């Protein structure tokens, strides 16, 4: 996801690369159309627990299938919701620090990673939020805080809105809301329109691991620090045809999400919302978007990072999340963390 309003010189260069690459992709796509989709086995994992002592993974049944989760730590529940094209594993760098004060629960979203493909094919934000909520309740937690990135942020909002009193606070990274600013980014990267295209077009064009590798490596090349992103893990996760199609379905639900958000915008969140944009991408635009649906929005700009903040600048995110989800009154050690203070 990208926003013209806060694109710096490096990000502008990335956008130019995206537009140039679009023409090349169309040419390559013509060679791929004749291929067929081969259904693969469900992924055995969506990221390694190596380096995460004290964390365990499991599955919980919800409407439409099962959710995979990784859980560790102790204290109040903190639910982590990843973006596209990632899995729970995008949080692995910040999970140990967060687990010092919270029970951290990192879900694979429905249809993604090791979670099952939804039996009813529903991936709109309201439906997905309800299923994540079911997962949280099934694990025994009556309330939780939320930390979300990209598509996960689009899920976190209806979760907090539709289950008032069960979310203490929420942090959203690098995603203006559907209906309140995200549409402004559509012209900056062709992947929005491509992923939103009705089936089976994207499924037939990106239909094996080689194509997934080309597509996702190109997407991650727009990061400020592509080498910090766990690209092979995410390529593995999206190499399965059914899970890959579910990923596209999240984008196909954007119009539905926007209509729902606009219809219920007056039902404003009153919990604290920390809205973080990357310095090289959305910047303050995330907070500007969420100000349409929440009354207590804190603006944070992640320095020295592209879109994939949890891996590109995990140190800053860890500090900020520690302040925001931690004890009230802890002073910010630097001005760029001022919006993170609880």
C-alpha atoms as a PDB file:
ATOM      1  CA  UNK A   1       0.000   0.000   0.000  1.00  0.00           C
ATOM      2  CA  UNK A   2       1.262   3.456  -0.853  1.00  0.00           C
ATOM      3  CA  UNK A   3       0.206   7.101  -0.442  1.00  0.00           C
ATOM      4  CA  UNK A   4       1.256   9.980  -2.691  1.00  0.00           C
ATOM      5  CA  UNK A   5       0.792  12.525   0.085  1.00  0.00           C
ATOM      6  CA  UNK A   6       3.853  11.469   2.059  1.00  0.00           C
ATOM      7  CA  UNK A   7       6.087   9.813  -0.507  1.00  0.00           C
ATOM      8  CA  UNK A   8       9.705  10.867  -0.142  1.00  0.00           C
ATOM      9  CA  UNK A   9      12.294  10.813  -2.916  1.00  0.00           C
ATOM     10  CA  UNK A  10      13.183   7.170  -2.309  1.00  0.00           C
ATOM     11  CA  UNK A  11       9.524   6.132  -2.315  1.00  0.00           C
ATOM     12  CA  UNK A  12       8.875   8.160  -5.460  1.00  0.00           C
ATOM     13  CA  UNK A  13      11.643   6.205  -7.126  1.00  0.00           C
ATOM     14  CA  UNK A  14       9.929   3.007  -5.963  1.00  0.00           C
ATOM     15  CA  UNK A  15       6.652   4.136  -7.493  1.00  0.00           C
ATOM     16  CA  UNK A  16       8.382   4.833 -10.802  1.00  0.00           C
ATOM     17  CA  UNK A  17       9.776   1.304 -10.700  1.00  0.00           C
ATOM     18  CA  UNK A  18       6.288  -0.038  -9.997  1.00  0.00           C
ATOM     19  CA  UNK A  19       4.830   1.729 -13.018  1.00  0.00           C
ATOM     20  CA  UNK A  20       7.646   0.618 -15.298  1.00  0.00           C
ATOM     21  CA  UNK A  21       7.348  -2.938 -14.011  1.00  0.00           C
ATOM     22  CA  UNK A  22       3.616  -2.947 -14.714  1.00  0.00           C
ATOM     23  CA  UNK A  23       4.198  -2.859 -18.455  1.00  0.00           C
ATOM     24  CA  UNK A  24       6.738  -5.629 -18.223  1.00  0.00           C
ATOM     25  CA  UNK A  25       4.355  -7.734 -16.156  1.00  0.00           C
ATOM     26  CA  UNK A  26       1.584  -7.404 -18.709  1.00  0.00           C
ATOM     27  CA  UNK A  27       3.933  -8.711 -21.366  1.00  0.00           C
ATOM     28  CA  UNK A  28       5.005 -11.628 -19.205  1.00  0.00           C
ATOM     29  CA  UNK A  29       1.394 -12.335 -18.251  1.00  0.00           C
ATOM     30  CA  UNK A  30       0.525 -13.065 -21.838  1.00  0.00           C
ATOM     31  CA  UNK A  31       2.925 -15.982 -21.680  1.00  0.00           C
ATOM     32  CA  UNK A  32       1.370 -17.309 -18.496  1.00  0.00           C
ATOM     33  CA  UNK A  33      -2.318 -17.287 -19.390  1.00  0.00           C
ATOM     34  CA  UNK A  34      -2.216 -20.697 -20.974  1.00  0.00           C
ATOM     35  CA  UNK A  35      -1.055 -22.329 -17.743  1.00  0.00           C
ATOM     36  CA  UNK A  36      -3.421 -24.047 -15.341  1.00  0.00           C
ATOM     37  CA  UNK A  37      -3.818 -23.893 -11.570  1.00  0.00           C
ATOM     38  CA  UNK A  38      -2.550 -26.863  -9.643  1.00  0.00           C
ATOM     39  CA  UNK A  39      -3.890 -27.211  -6.144  1.00  0.00           C
ATOM     40  CA  UNK A  40      -1.138 -27.839  -3.634  1.00  0.00           C
ATOM     41  CA  UNK A  41      -1.283 -29.281  -0.155  1.00  0.00           C
ATOM     42  CA  UNK A  42      -2.034 -26.924   2.710  1.00  0.00           C
ATOM     43  CA  UNK A  43       1.164 -25.382   4.088  1.00  0.00           C
ATOM     44  CA  UNK A  44       2.605 -27.320   7.010  1.00  0.00           C
ATOM     45  CA  UNK A  45       3.772 -24.086   8.614  1.00  0.00           C
ATOM     46  CA  UNK A  46       3.735 -20.368   7.960  1.00  0.00           C
ATOM     47  CA  UNK A  47       6.961 -19.547   9.766  1.00  0.00           C
ATOM     48  CA  UNK A  48       9.448 -21.162  12.107  1.00  0.00           C
ATOM     49  CA  UNK A  49       9.274 -20.993  15.899  1.00  0.00           C
ATOM     50  CA  UNK A  50      13.063 -21.089  15.976  1.00  0.00           C
ATOM     51  CA  UNK A  51      14.275 -18.064  17.902  1.00  0.00           C
ATOM     52  CA  UNK A  52      10.966 -17.744  19.770  1.00  0.00           C
ATOM     53  CA  UNK A  53      11.500 -19.634  23.033  1.00  0.00           C
ATOM     54  CA  UNK A  54       8.363 -19.965  25.112  1.00  0.00           C
ATOM     55  CA  UNK A  55       6.049 -19.687  22.101  1.00  0.00           C
ATOM     56  CA  UNK A  56       3.827 -22.541  20.982  1.00  0.00           C
ATOM     57  CA  UNK A  57       1.538 -22.928  17.992  1.00  0.00           C
ATOM     58  CA  UNK A  58      -1.934 -24.379  17.746  1.00  0.00           C
ATOM     59  CA  UNK A  59      -5.272 -24.293  15.950  1.00  0.00           C
ATOM     60  CA  UNK A  60      -8.696 -23.115  17.037  1.00  0.00           C
ATOM     61  CA  UNK A  61     -11.999 -23.841  15.303  1.00  0.00           C
ATOM     62  CA  UNK A  62     -14.094 -20.898  14.097  1.00  0.00           C
ATOM     63  CA  UNK A  63     -16.902 -20.447  11.596  1.00  0.00           C
ATOM     64  CA  UNK A  64     -15.666 -21.472   8.159  1.00  0.00           C
ATOM     65  CA  UNK A  65     -12.663 -23.493   9.328  1.00  0.00           C
ATOM     66  CA  UNK A  66      -9.724 -23.177  11.714  1.00  0.00           C
ATOM     67  CA  UNK A  67      -7.239 -20.475  12.634  1.00  0.00           C
ATOM     68  CA  UNK A  68      -3.560 -21.118  13.199  1.00  0.00           C
ATOM     69  CA  UNK A  69      -1.957 -19.132  15.997  1.00  0.00           C
ATOM     70  CA  UNK A  70       1.376 -18.734  17.772  1.00  0.00           C
ATOM     71  CA  UNK A  71       1.139 -17.810  21.442  1.00  0.00           C
ATOM     72  CA  UNK A  72       3.610 -16.954  24.177  1.00  0.00           C
ATOM     73  CA  UNK A  73       4.291 -14.721  27.162  1.00  0.00           C
ATOM     74  CA  UNK A  74       2.032 -13.804  30.057  1.00  0.00           C
ATOM     75  CA  UNK A  75      -0.229 -10.943  31.012  1.00  0.00           C
ATOM     76  CA  UNK A  76      -3.104  -9.256  29.152  1.00  0.00           C
ATOM     77  CA  UNK A  77      -3.845 -10.593  25.670  1.00  0.00           C
ATOM     78  CA  UNK A  78      -2.285  -8.765  22.725  1.00  0.00           C
ATOM     79  CA  UNK A  79      -3.532 -10.010  19.347  1.00  0.00           C
ATOM     80  CA  UNK A  80      -1.321  -9.507  16.278  1.00  0.00           C
ATOM     81  CA  UNK A  81      -2.885  -9.372  12.804  1.00  0.00           C
ATOM     82  CA  UNK A  82      -0.572  -9.538   9.787  1.00  0.00           C
ATOM     83  CA  UNK A  83      -0.845  -8.049   6.311  1.00  0.00           C
ATOM     84  CA  UNK A  84      -0.662  -9.293   2.738  1.00  0.00           C
ATOM     85  CA  UNK A  85       1.465 -10.997   1.473  1.00  0.00           C
ATOM     86  CA  UNK A  86       2.724 -12.076   4.893  1.00  0.00           C
ATOM     87  CA  UNK A  87       1.765 -14.477   7.674  1.00  0.00           C
ATOM     88  CA  UNK A  88       1.992 -14.320  11.462  1.00  0.00           C
ATOM     89  CA  UNK A  89       5.745 -14.557  10.981  1.00  0.00           C
ATOM     90  CA  UNK A  90       6.103 -10.898  10.029  1.00  0.00           C
ATOM     91  CA  UNK A  91       5.916 -10.194  13.790  1.00  0.00           C
ATOM     92  CA  UNK A  92       8.694 -12.573  14.858  1.00  0.00           C
ATOM     93  CA  UNK A  93      11.216  -9.813  15.600  1.00  0.00           C
ATOM     94  CA  UNK A  94       8.931  -7.962  18.030  1.00  0.00           C
ATOM     95  CA  UNK A  95       7.118 -10.891  19.651  1.00  0.00           C
ATOM     96  CA  UNK A  96       9.739 -11.731  22.325  1.00  0.00           C
ATOM     97  CA  UNK A  97       9.801  -8.159  23.619  1.00  0.00           C
ATOM     98  CA  UNK A  98       6.013  -7.866  23.678  1.00  0.00           C
ATOM     99  CA  UNK A  99       5.754 -11.223  25.490  1.00  0.00           C
ATOM    100  CA  UNK A 100       7.562  -9.782  28.502  1.00  0.00           C
ATOM    101  CA  UNK A 101       4.394  -7.918  29.485  1.00  0.00           C
ATOM    102  CA  UNK A 102       1.607  -9.552  27.450  1.00  0.00           C
ATOM    103  CA  UNK A 103       0.249 -12.867  26.287  1.00  0.00           C
ATOM    104  CA  UNK A 104       1.016 -12.448  22.599  1.00  0.00           C
ATOM    105  CA  UNK A 105      -1.278 -14.236  20.124  1.00  0.00           C
ATOM    106  CA  UNK A 106      -0.202 -13.958  16.487  1.00  0.00           C
ATOM    107  CA  UNK A 107      -2.852 -15.362  14.160  1.00  0.00           C
ATOM    108  CA  UNK A 108      -2.646 -16.399  10.553  1.00  0.00           C
ATOM    109  CA  UNK A 109      -5.692 -14.693   9.049  1.00  0.00           C
ATOM    110  CA  UNK A 110      -8.386 -17.009   7.647  1.00  0.00           C
ATOM    111  CA  UNK A 111      -7.261 -18.609   4.398  1.00  0.00           C
ATOM    112  CA  UNK A 112      -3.636 -17.482   4.882  1.00  0.00           C
ATOM    113  CA  UNK A 113      -0.559 -19.363   6.060  1.00  0.00           C
ATOM    114  CA  UNK A 114      -1.503 -22.430   8.068  1.00  0.00           C
ATOM    115  CA  UNK A 115      -5.082 -21.308   8.720  1.00  0.00           C
ATOM    116  CA  UNK A 116      -7.682 -23.169   6.693  1.00  0.00           C
ATOM    117  CA  UNK A 117      -9.301 -21.743   3.599  1.00  0.00           C
ATOM    118  CA  UNK A 118     -12.761 -20.514   4.610  1.00  0.00           C
ATOM    119  CA  UNK A 119     -15.445 -22.977   3.574  1.00  0.00           C
ATOM    120  CA  UNK A 120     -17.836 -20.170   2.590  1.00  0.00           C
ATOM    121  CA  UNK A 121     -15.247 -18.073   0.738  1.00  0.00           C
ATOM    122  CA  UNK A 122     -15.983 -14.945   2.800  1.00  0.00           C
ATOM    123  CA  UNK A 123     -13.047 -12.587   3.390  1.00  0.00           C
ATOM    124  CA  UNK A 124     -14.682  -9.213   3.948  1.00  0.00           C
ATOM    125  CA  UNK A 125     -13.362  -7.358   6.977  1.00  0.00           C
ATOM    126  CA  UNK A 126     -16.493  -7.770   9.117  1.00  0.00           C
ATOM    127  CA  UNK A 127     -16.616 -11.536   8.594  1.00  0.00           C
ATOM    128  CA  UNK A 128     -12.890 -12.013   9.188  1.00  0.00           C
ATOM    129  CA  UNK A 129     -12.969  -9.812  12.300  1.00  0.00           C
ATOM    130  CA  UNK A 130     -15.822 -11.906  13.704  1.00  0.00           C
ATOM    131  CA  UNK A 131     -13.850 -15.104  13.114  1.00  0.00           C
ATOM    132  CA  UNK A 132     -10.693 -13.753  14.741  1.00  0.00           C
ATOM    133  CA  UNK A 133     -12.885 -12.657  17.649  1.00  0.00           C
ATOM    134  CA  UNK A 134     -14.238 -16.214  17.875  1.00  0.00           C
ATOM    135  CA  UNK A 135     -10.659 -17.468  17.987  1.00  0.00           C
ATOM    136  CA  UNK A 136      -9.711 -15.098  20.798  1.00  0.00           C
ATOM    137  CA  UNK A 137     -12.773 -16.134  22.828  1.00  0.00           C
ATOM    138  CA  UNK A 138     -12.145 -19.826  22.177  1.00  0.00           C
ATOM    139  CA  UNK A 139      -8.630 -19.433  23.576  1.00  0.00           C
ATOM    140  CA  UNK A 140     -10.176 -18.106  26.777  1.00  0.00           C
ATOM    141  CA  UNK A 141      -9.675 -14.346  26.526  1.00  0.00           C
ATOM    142  CA  UNK A 142     -12.575 -11.980  27.188  1.00  0.00           C
ATOM    143  CA  UNK A 143     -10.727  -8.878  26.008  1.00  0.00           C
ATOM    144  CA  UNK A 144      -7.558  -8.004  24.129  1.00  0.00           C
ATOM    145  CA  UNK A 145      -5.471  -5.214  22.676  1.00  0.00           C
ATOM    146  CA  UNK A 146      -4.816  -5.262  18.923  1.00  0.00           C
ATOM    147  CA  UNK A 147      -1.658  -4.650  16.890  1.00  0.00           C
ATOM    148  CA  UNK A 148      -2.187  -4.855  13.142  1.00  0.00           C
ATOM    149  CA  UNK A 149      -0.368  -4.159   9.875  1.00  0.00           C
ATOM    150  CA  UNK A 150      -1.600  -3.559   6.316  1.00  0.00           C
ATOM    151  CA  UNK A 151      -4.670  -5.756   5.602  1.00  0.00           C
ATOM    152  CA  UNK A 152      -4.657  -6.726   9.282  1.00  0.00           C
ATOM    153  CA  UNK A 153      -5.425  -3.085  10.130  1.00  0.00           C
ATOM    154  CA  UNK A 154      -8.513  -3.243   7.919  1.00  0.00           C
ATOM    155  CA  UNK A 155      -9.645  -6.222  10.045  1.00  0.00           C
ATOM    156  CA  UNK A 156      -8.726  -4.646  13.393  1.00  0.00           C
ATOM    157  CA  UNK A 157     -11.073  -1.687  12.895  1.00  0.00           C
ATOM    158  CA  UNK A 158     -14.353  -3.659  12.600  1.00  0.00           C
ATOM    159  CA  UNK A 159     -13.140  -5.961  15.383  1.00  0.00           C
ATOM    160  CA  UNK A 160     -12.862  -2.975  17.734  1.00  0.00           C
ATOM    161  CA  UNK A 161     -16.034  -1.346  16.391  1.00  0.00           C
ATOM    162  CA  UNK A 162     -18.267  -4.417  16.468  1.00  0.00           C
ATOM    163  CA  UNK A 163     -17.102  -5.746  19.839  1.00  0.00           C
ATOM    164  CA  UNK A 164     -17.020  -2.609  22.012  1.00  0.00           C
ATOM    165  CA  UNK A 165     -15.756  -3.181  25.488  1.00  0.00           C
ATOM    166  CA  UNK A 166     -13.644  -6.144  24.388  1.00  0.00           C
ATOM    167  CA  UNK A 167     -10.723  -4.150  22.922  1.00  0.00           C
ATOM    168  CA  UNK A 168      -8.671  -2.011  25.301  1.00  0.00           C
ATOM    169  CA  UNK A 169      -6.585  -0.210  22.675  1.00  0.00           C
ATOM    170  CA  UNK A 170      -5.442  -0.664  19.103  1.00  0.00           C
ATOM    171  CA  UNK A 171      -2.348   0.058  17.025  1.00  0.00           C
ATOM    172  CA  UNK A 172      -2.587   0.062  13.221  1.00  0.00           C
ATOM    173  CA  UNK A 173       0.357   0.221  10.824  1.00  0.00           C
ATOM    174  CA  UNK A 174       0.636   1.345   7.214  1.00  0.00           C
ATOM    175  CA  UNK A 175      -2.993   1.159   6.065  1.00  0.00           C
ATOM    176  CA  UNK A 176      -5.559   3.901   5.594  1.00  0.00           C
ATOM    177  CA  UNK A 177      -9.052   2.484   5.835  1.00  0.00           C
ATOM    178  CA  UNK A 178     -11.213   1.295   2.965  1.00  0.00           C
ATOM    179  CA  UNK A 179     -13.521   4.217   2.192  1.00  0.00           C
ATOM    180  CA  UNK A 180     -11.324   6.717   4.015  1.00  0.00           C
ATOM    181  CA  UNK A 181      -8.150   7.136   1.993  1.00  0.00           C
ATOM    182  CA  UNK A 182      -6.933   3.736   0.868  1.00  0.00           C
ATOM    183  CA  UNK A 183      -8.491   4.274  -2.558  1.00  0.00           C
ATOM    184  CA  UNK A 184      -6.102   7.205  -3.098  1.00  0.00           C
ATOM    185  CA  UNK A 185      -3.262   4.673  -3.297  1.00  0.00           C
ATOM    186  CA  UNK A 186      -4.747   2.514  -6.028  1.00  0.00           C
ATOM    187  CA  UNK A 187      -3.106   4.480  -8.831  1.00  0.00           C
ATOM    188  CA  UNK A 188       0.345   4.177  -7.312  1.00  0.00           C
ATOM    189  CA  UNK A 189       0.706   0.404  -7.680  1.00  0.00           C
ATOM    190  CA  UNK A 190      -0.992  -1.898 -10.128  1.00  0.00           C
ATOM    191  CA  UNK A 191      -1.070  -4.738  -7.616  1.00  0.00           C
ATOM    192  CA  UNK A 192      -4.247  -3.271  -6.071  1.00  0.00           C
ATOM    193  CA  UNK A 193      -6.269  -3.581  -9.285  1.00  0.00           C
ATOM    194  CA  UNK A 194      -4.627  -6.893 -10.147  1.00  0.00           C
ATOM    195  CA  UNK A 195      -5.456  -8.527  -6.804  1.00  0.00           C
ATOM    196  CA  UNK A 196      -9.004  -7.137  -6.952  1.00  0.00           C
ATOM    197  CA  UNK A 197      -9.641  -8.582 -10.409  1.00  0.00           C
ATOM    198  CA  UNK A 198     -12.357 -11.274 -10.288  1.00  0.00           C
ATOM    199  CA  UNK A 199     -11.287 -14.906 -10.311  1.00  0.00           C
ATOM    200  CA  UNK A 200      -9.846 -16.733 -12.104  1.00  0.00           C
ATOM    201  CA  UNK A 201      -7.635 -14.107 -13.782  1.00  0.00           C
ATOM    202  CA  UNK A 202      -5.056 -13.522 -10.994  1.00  0.00           C
ATOM    203  CA  UNK A 203      -5.161 -17.216 -10.094  1.00  0.00           C
ATOM    204  CA  UNK A 204      -4.304 -18.249 -13.648  1.00  0.00           C
ATOM    205  CA  UNK A 205      -1.578 -15.647 -14.120  1.00  0.00           C
ATOM    206  CA  UNK A 206       0.181 -16.331 -10.794  1.00  0.00           C
ATOM    207  CA  UNK A 207      -0.244 -20.078 -10.745  1.00  0.00           C
ATOM    208  CA  UNK A 208       2.922 -21.752  -9.440  1.00  0.00           C
ATOM    209  CA  UNK A 209       5.849 -21.132  -7.120  1.00  0.00           C
ATOM    210  CA  UNK A 210       7.996 -19.563  -9.842  1.00  0.00           C
ATOM    211  CA  UNK A 211       5.307 -16.992 -10.596  1.00  0.00           C
ATOM    212  CA  UNK A 212       4.719 -16.329  -6.886  1.00  0.00           C
ATOM    213  CA  UNK A 213       8.443 -15.793  -6.411  1.00  0.00           C
ATOM    214  CA  UNK A 214       8.618 -13.306  -9.281  1.00  0.00           C
ATOM    215  CA  UNK A 215       5.523 -11.413  -8.097  1.00  0.00           C
ATOM    216  CA  UNK A 216       6.378 -11.185  -4.400  1.00  0.00           C
ATOM    217  CA  UNK A 217      10.071 -10.466  -4.900  1.00  0.00           C
ATOM    218  CA  UNK A 218       9.076  -7.610  -7.191  1.00  0.00           C
ATOM    219  CA  UNK A 219       6.618  -6.322  -4.567  1.00  0.00           C
ATOM    220  CA  UNK A 220       9.167  -6.530  -1.752  1.00  0.00           C
ATOM    221  CA  UNK A 221      11.756  -4.749  -3.900  1.00  0.00           C
ATOM    222  CA  UNK A 222       9.894  -1.503  -3.133  1.00  0.00           C
ATOM    223  CA  UNK A 223      10.852  -1.834   0.552  1.00  0.00           C
ATOM    224  CA  UNK A 224      13.557   0.377   1.960  1.00  0.00           C
ATOM    225  CA  UNK A 225      15.286  -2.724   3.296  1.00  0.00           C
ATOM    226  CA  UNK A 226      14.155  -5.724   1.203  1.00  0.00           C
ATOM    227  CA  UNK A 227      16.838  -7.921   2.758  1.00  0.00           C
ATOM    228  CA  UNK A 228      15.203  -7.665   6.189  1.00  0.00           C
ATOM    229  CA  UNK A 229      11.927  -9.174   4.971  1.00  0.00           C
ATOM    230  CA  UNK A 230      11.410 -12.948   5.385  1.00  0.00           C
ATOM    231  CA  UNK A 231      10.692 -13.332   1.700  1.00  0.00           C
ATOM    232  CA  UNK A 232      11.207 -17.086   1.396  1.00  0.00           C
ATOM    233  CA  UNK A 233       8.774 -17.738   4.277  1.00  0.00           C
ATOM    234  CA  UNK A 234       6.067 -15.671   2.624  1.00  0.00           C
ATOM    235  CA  UNK A 235       6.722 -17.146  -0.819  1.00  0.00           C
ATOM    236  CA  UNK A 236       6.280 -20.597   0.718  1.00  0.00           C
ATOM    237  CA  UNK A 237       2.989 -19.563   2.306  1.00  0.00           C
ATOM    238  CA  UNK A 238       1.504 -18.162  -0.901  1.00  0.00           C
ATOM    239  CA  UNK A 239       2.734 -20.958  -3.164  1.00  0.00           C
ATOM    240  CA  UNK A 240      -0.358 -23.015  -2.340  1.00  0.00           C
ATOM    241  CA  UNK A 241      -3.107 -22.244  -4.878  1.00  0.00           C
ATOM    242  CA  UNK A 242      -6.050 -22.176  -2.471  1.00  0.00           C
ATOM    243  CA  UNK A 243      -4.315 -19.949   0.076  1.00  0.00           C
ATOM    244  CA  UNK A 244      -3.052 -17.677  -2.698  1.00  0.00           C
ATOM    245  CA  UNK A 245      -6.602 -17.253  -4.003  1.00  0.00           C
ATOM    246  CA  UNK A 246      -7.777 -16.410  -0.482  1.00  0.00           C
ATOM    247  CA  UNK A 247      -5.188 -13.648  -0.416  1.00  0.00           C
ATOM    248  CA  UNK A 248      -6.677 -12.162  -3.583  1.00  0.00           C
ATOM    249  CA  UNK A 249     -10.146 -12.456  -2.019  1.00  0.00           C
ATOM    250  CA  UNK A 250      -9.186 -10.017   0.733  1.00  0.00           C
ATOM    251  CA  UNK A 251      -8.641  -7.382  -1.969  1.00  0.00           C
ATOM    252  CA  UNK A 252     -11.852  -8.308  -3.774  1.00  0.00           C
ATOM    253  CA  UNK A 253     -13.717  -7.440  -0.558  1.00  0.00           C
ATOM    254  CA  UNK A 254     -12.421  -3.845  -0.471  1.00  0.00           C
ATOM    255  CA  UNK A 255     -15.587  -2.356  -1.984  1.00  0.00           C
ATOM    256  CA  UNK A 256     -17.721  -4.161   0.591  1.00  0.00           C
ATOM    257  CA  UNK A 257     -15.396  -3.007   3.374  1.00  0.00           C
ATOM    258  CA  UNK A 258     -15.590   0.618   2.219  1.00  0.00           C
ATOM    259  CA  UNK A 259     -19.379   0.624   2.160  1.00  0.00           C
ATOM    260  CA  UNK A 260     -19.512  -0.891   5.648  1.00  0.00           C
ATOM    261  CA  UNK A 261     -16.970   1.589   7.050  1.00  0.00           C
ATOM    262  CA  UNK A 262     -18.817   4.602   5.655  1.00  0.00           C
ATOM    263  CA  UNK A 263     -22.164   3.348   6.879  1.00  0.00           C
ATOM    264  CA  UNK A 264     -20.916   2.949  10.451  1.00  0.00           C
ATOM    265  CA  UNK A 265     -18.377   5.797  10.616  1.00  0.00           C
ATOM    266  CA  UNK A 266     -20.470   7.746  13.113  1.00  0.00           C
ATOM    267  CA  UNK A 267     -20.164   4.818  15.524  1.00  0.00           C
ATOM    268  CA  UNK A 268     -16.761   6.165  16.526  1.00  0.00           C
ATOM    269  CA  UNK A 269     -14.161   4.252  18.501  1.00  0.00           C
ATOM    270  CA  UNK A 270     -13.336   5.857  21.837  1.00  0.00           C
ATOM    271  CA  UNK A 271     -10.387   3.615  22.711  1.00  0.00           C
ATOM    272  CA  UNK A 272      -6.843   4.904  22.124  1.00  0.00           C
ATOM    273  CA  UNK A 273      -5.713   4.255  18.547  1.00  0.00           C
ATOM    274  CA  UNK A 274      -2.038   4.511  17.657  1.00  0.00           C
ATOM    275  CA  UNK A 275      -1.788   4.999  13.880  1.00  0.00           C
ATOM    276  CA  UNK A 276       1.687   4.513  12.444  1.00  0.00           C
ATOM    277  CA  UNK A 277       2.817   5.195   8.902  1.00  0.00           C
ATOM    278  CA  UNK A 278       6.292   4.621   7.505  1.00  0.00           C
ATOM    279  CA  UNK A 279       8.387   7.695   6.840  1.00  0.00           C
ATOM    280  CA  UNK A 280       8.939   6.570   3.237  1.00  0.00           C
ATOM    281  CA  UNK A 281       5.313   5.623   2.517  1.00  0.00           C
ATOM    282  CA  UNK A 282       2.078   6.643   4.314  1.00  0.00           C
ATOM    283  CA  UNK A 283       3.496   8.763   7.130  1.00  0.00           C
ATOM    284  CA  UNK A 284       0.687  10.708   8.910  1.00  0.00           C
ATOM    285  CA  UNK A 285      -1.950   9.568   6.379  1.00  0.00           C
ATOM    286  CA  UNK A 286      -2.810   6.511   8.494  1.00  0.00           C
ATOM    287  CA  UNK A 287      -3.784   8.708  11.439  1.00  0.00           C
ATOM    288  CA  UNK A 288      -5.686  11.089   9.145  1.00  0.00           C
ATOM    289  CA  UNK A 289      -7.727   8.159   7.887  1.00  0.00           C
ATOM    290  CA  UNK A 290      -8.536   6.681  11.293  1.00  0.00           C
ATOM    291  CA  UNK A 291      -9.540  10.122  12.599  1.00  0.00           C
ATOM    292  CA  UNK A 292     -12.721   9.622  10.553  1.00  0.00           C
ATOM    293  CA  UNK A 293     -13.776   6.697  12.750  1.00  0.00           C
ATOM    294  CA  UNK A 294     -12.086   7.262  16.133  1.00  0.00           C
ATOM    295  CA  UNK A 295     -11.889  10.090  18.662  1.00  0.00           C
ATOM    296  CA  UNK A 296      -8.485   9.367  20.257  1.00  0.00           C
ATOM    297  CA  UNK A 297      -5.942   8.877  17.470  1.00  0.00           C
ATOM    298  CA  UNK A 298      -2.201   9.279  18.069  1.00  0.00           C
ATOM    299  CA  UNK A 299       0.010   9.967  15.042  1.00  0.00           C
ATOM    300  CA  UNK A 300       3.328   8.136  14.740  1.00  0.00           C
ATOM    301  CA  UNK A 301       5.746   8.158  11.803  1.00  0.00           C
ATOM    302  CA  UNK A 302       8.198   5.251  11.746  1.00  0.00           C
ATOM    303  CA  UNK A 303      11.617   6.561  10.719  1.00  0.00           C
ATOM    304  CA  UNK A 304      13.997   4.770   8.379  1.00  0.00           C
ATOM    305  CA  UNK A 305      11.424   2.267   7.145  1.00  0.00           C
ATOM    306  CA  UNK A 306       9.402   1.286   4.145  1.00  0.00           C
ATOM    307  CA  UNK A 307       5.959  -0.306   4.216  1.00  0.00           C
ATOM    308  CA  UNK A 308       6.974  -3.478   6.092  1.00  0.00           C
ATOM    309  CA  UNK A 309       7.696  -1.824   9.453  1.00  0.00           C
ATOM    310  CA  UNK A 310       7.585  -5.001  11.621  1.00  0.00           C
ATOM    311  CA  UNK A 311      10.688  -6.296   9.847  1.00  0.00           C
ATOM    312  CA  UNK A 312      12.233  -3.169   8.332  1.00  0.00           C
ATOM    313  CA  UNK A 313      12.399  -1.265  11.631  1.00  0.00           C
ATOM    314  CA  UNK A 314      11.490  -3.767  14.324  1.00  0.00           C
ATOM    315  CA  UNK A 315      13.492  -1.837  16.940  1.00  0.00           C
ATOM    316  CA  UNK A 316      11.357   1.292  16.565  1.00  0.00           C
ATOM    317  CA  UNK A 317       8.113  -0.687  16.486  1.00  0.00           C
ATOM    318  CA  UNK A 318       9.148  -2.631  19.577  1.00  0.00           C
ATOM    319  CA  UNK A 319       9.878   0.592  21.476  1.00  0.00           C
ATOM    320  CA  UNK A 320       6.659   2.229  20.354  1.00  0.00           C
ATOM    321  CA  UNK A 321       4.471  -0.793  21.099  1.00  0.00           C
ATOM    322  CA  UNK A 322       6.129  -1.161  24.495  1.00  0.00           C
ATOM    323  CA  UNK A 323       5.119   2.393  25.344  1.00  0.00           C
ATOM    324  CA  UNK A 324       1.622   2.255  23.860  1.00  0.00           C
ATOM    325  CA  UNK A 325       0.611  -1.095  25.346  1.00  0.00           C
ATOM    326  CA  UNK A 326       2.642  -0.594  28.521  1.00  0.00           C
ATOM    327  CA  UNK A 327       2.036   1.280  31.794  1.00  0.00           C
ATOM    328  CA  UNK A 328       0.571   4.767  31.537  1.00  0.00           C
ATOM    329  CA  UNK A 329       2.842   7.721  32.154  1.00  0.00           C
ATOM    330  CA  UNK A 330       6.111   6.293  30.854  1.00  0.00           C
ATOM    331  CA  UNK A 331       7.830   9.191  29.070  1.00  0.00           C
ATOM    332  CA  UNK A 332       8.935   8.929  25.460  1.00  0.00           C
ATOM    333  CA  UNK A 333      12.729   8.665  25.198  1.00  0.00           C
ATOM    334  CA  UNK A 334      12.748  10.588  21.884  1.00  0.00           C
ATOM    335  CA  UNK A 335      10.385  12.954  20.024  1.00  0.00           C
ATOM    336  CA  UNK A 336       9.535  10.438  17.305  1.00  0.00           C
ATOM    337  CA  UNK A 337       8.071   8.159  20.007  1.00  0.00           C
ATOM    338  CA  UNK A 338       5.860  10.852  21.543  1.00  0.00           C
ATOM    339  CA  UNK A 339       2.699   9.500  19.880  1.00  0.00           C
ATOM    340  CA  UNK A 340       3.362   6.064  21.342  1.00  0.00           C
ATOM    341  CA  UNK A 341       2.991   7.081  24.985  1.00  0.00           C
ATOM    342  CA  UNK A 342       0.119   5.269  26.708  1.00  0.00           C
END
